[in-house]
Amino acid sequence: MRQYDRYGWKGENMGKKEGQGENRISGIGVTARLIGITMGPIIAILIILTFISAKDMRDSMRTTQYQGMAGMAGSVQSAYNIVYQGDFKLDEKTGVLYKGQAELTKTNEMMDMLVEKSGYDMLLTYGDKIEITTMKGKNGERIIGQKIKDQVIIDKVLKGGKEYKDNDTKINGVEYYSYSLPVKNTDGTVVGVISIVNPRSEIDDYTQSRIMIIVVVAVVLLIITLITTTIVSKSLAGAIKHTEEALVGLSHGKVNFKLEDRFLTRKDEVGEMARAFEALQKKLIHIISNIKNSSEVLLGSGEELNHMAQQSNLAAGEISRAVEDISKGAVSQAEDVEEATVYVGDMGKVVGEIVDGVETLDETSNEMKNAGDESTNIIAQLTVSNDKTTKAIEHIGNQIKATNDSVQEIGEATKIITAIAEQTSLLALNASIEAARAGEAGKGFAVVADEIGKLADQSNTSAEQIRQTIDNLLEESEKSVEVMESVNVLVAEQQEKLNQTREKFVRVSKGITTSKDDMEVIKSHTDSYFAARKKVADLIQNLSAISEENAASTQQTTASMEELNATMNLLAEASKNLKDLSKQLEEEVAFFQLDD
């Protein structure tokens, strides 16, 4: 039994839990999906931007540091070259560093003054030993006398004479950013190194604080975006959920689902989707209404066609019986004609005997009496035969008339069949039109309507063949009537001749003397009678041929009626199928709910 839920027909899934038996995707909801789709790229972009910003900031800070330290190193080198003239040299005995005549080992004031406002530390080496520096150790003393432990500085600056910058220079266990220049004498000889250093921790702490600010700003933007996305996603999800409910109801046959106005008035894609669904809903309601109306019309047409097929079947049965009667009459007529042929043959024999008798009378008048008596007997027999022939011809005439009447009845029945076939063809055309209007749902009964139209055409063709056969039969029957009328005339003439012959033989019996005079008359009459007999024989032969043709025509008519009966049975079966199809269509369309 069909059951209905709030969406419409649920069928066998009525007893299952919500969501079972339906094409639903379990898992994350629409809101979560929208938030994930929106926030995923944003989070990825913020993370990437944060890493890029941190890296750029570190690189920028390092570049700034290196530029500042390079400038400071150049300033220190220039200051020493300007203030002190001459080359750098180290007194091996005292360990004092000189530039020209000036003693540099104990003069840190100029270096302190140069680096005081920059915040950097500086050291100057002679060889790999620190001779002048602003850097102090843990004991608070300057680290003069220590050697450079960074082999890269020794190789690239002290030995290679090139500038060098590093972000991981370790001095007394502390990591520094450093920038180093070679110290050269006037001859270009590298004798030492000037290094400007700055503690790495200061730069890293400053960079880290700025990165944290960027991260905080990114998190705040992320939260704001998440809140905004959640609000928008819930709004979109609500609209999508409402549309989903409408589509689920539509899939269960409920086409009268009402969308809320707040979704229909939206200006975004969701609103367009809702308005498109509303347009689809109206179109479906219109189509389903038309299908229902068409199925009702089709059902009525099927019932009417079924009724007409039954009537046609009954009419075809009556015609078959009439054709069978005609066939029997044609057979009987052929038998009568055959019998008449035998009689005519007998008449020919009698005429031959009469001629022989006349010749005998010419030879001898003595035998006239005997011949007259014998002729009297023969004429009496001929009279009896002639009476039989007359009755047979009358019977043949009656059979021909009955055949003619039956053929006319068949013609009227054929007209009825033709009218029924034309009406059936018209109904099939109407059914095809209604099937075309029904679209996909009407393809099935469109095929049935086409088959009905073909059967109607076949019925019309068979009826036309029957009509032509009947016309031929009527024509031949009319000819038979005309022949029989001629035969009747000849028989009447024959009867008259027999009467005259009988009168002549009465006169012969009265007197032999007058017989010779009458012999010529008798001979003349017998010659005429012989010619008439020959003509009657020809007419009977023609009548026999006509009877055979009538029998063949009735057999052909019987075969056509059998074919017509088979066609009418197919028509009845097709009309029943059309009726069943219309009922099935009506039941299927009843699945949709058009009323609120």
Foldseek 3Di string as FASTA:
>chain_A
DWDADPLFTDPPCPPPDPPPPDPDDDDDAQLVVLLCVVLVVLVVVLVVVLVVVLVVLLVVLLVVVQVLQVVLLVVVLVVCCVVAAAPWDADPVVRWIDHHPDTDQPDQPVVCVSCVVVQKKKFKDFQQFTRYIPDDDPVRHHPGGDGQPPVVCCVCCQVVQDKDWDQARDDNRFGWTKIKGFGAGPVGHGGIIMMIIHGNVVSVVVSVVVSVVSVVVSVVVSVVVSVVSSVVSVVLSVLVVQVVSQVVSVVQQALPDDDDVVQCPDPDVSNVVVVVSVVVSVVVLVLLVLLLVLLVVLLVLLVVLLVLLVVLLVLLVVLLVLLVVLLVLLVVLLVLLVVLLVLLVVVLVLLVVLLVLLVVCVVDLVCLQVSLVVNLVSLVVVLVSLVVSLVSLVVSLVSLVSSLVSLVVSLVSLVVLLVSLVVQLVSLVVLLVSLVSSPPLSPVVNVLSVVSNVLSVVSNVLSVVSNVLSVVLNVLSVVLNVLSVVVNVLSVVVNVLSVVVNVLSVVCNVDSVCNVVCSVVSNVSSVVVSVSSVVSSVSSVVSSVSSVVSSVSSVVSSVSSVVSSVSSVVSSVSSVVSSVSSVVSSVVSVSHDSDD
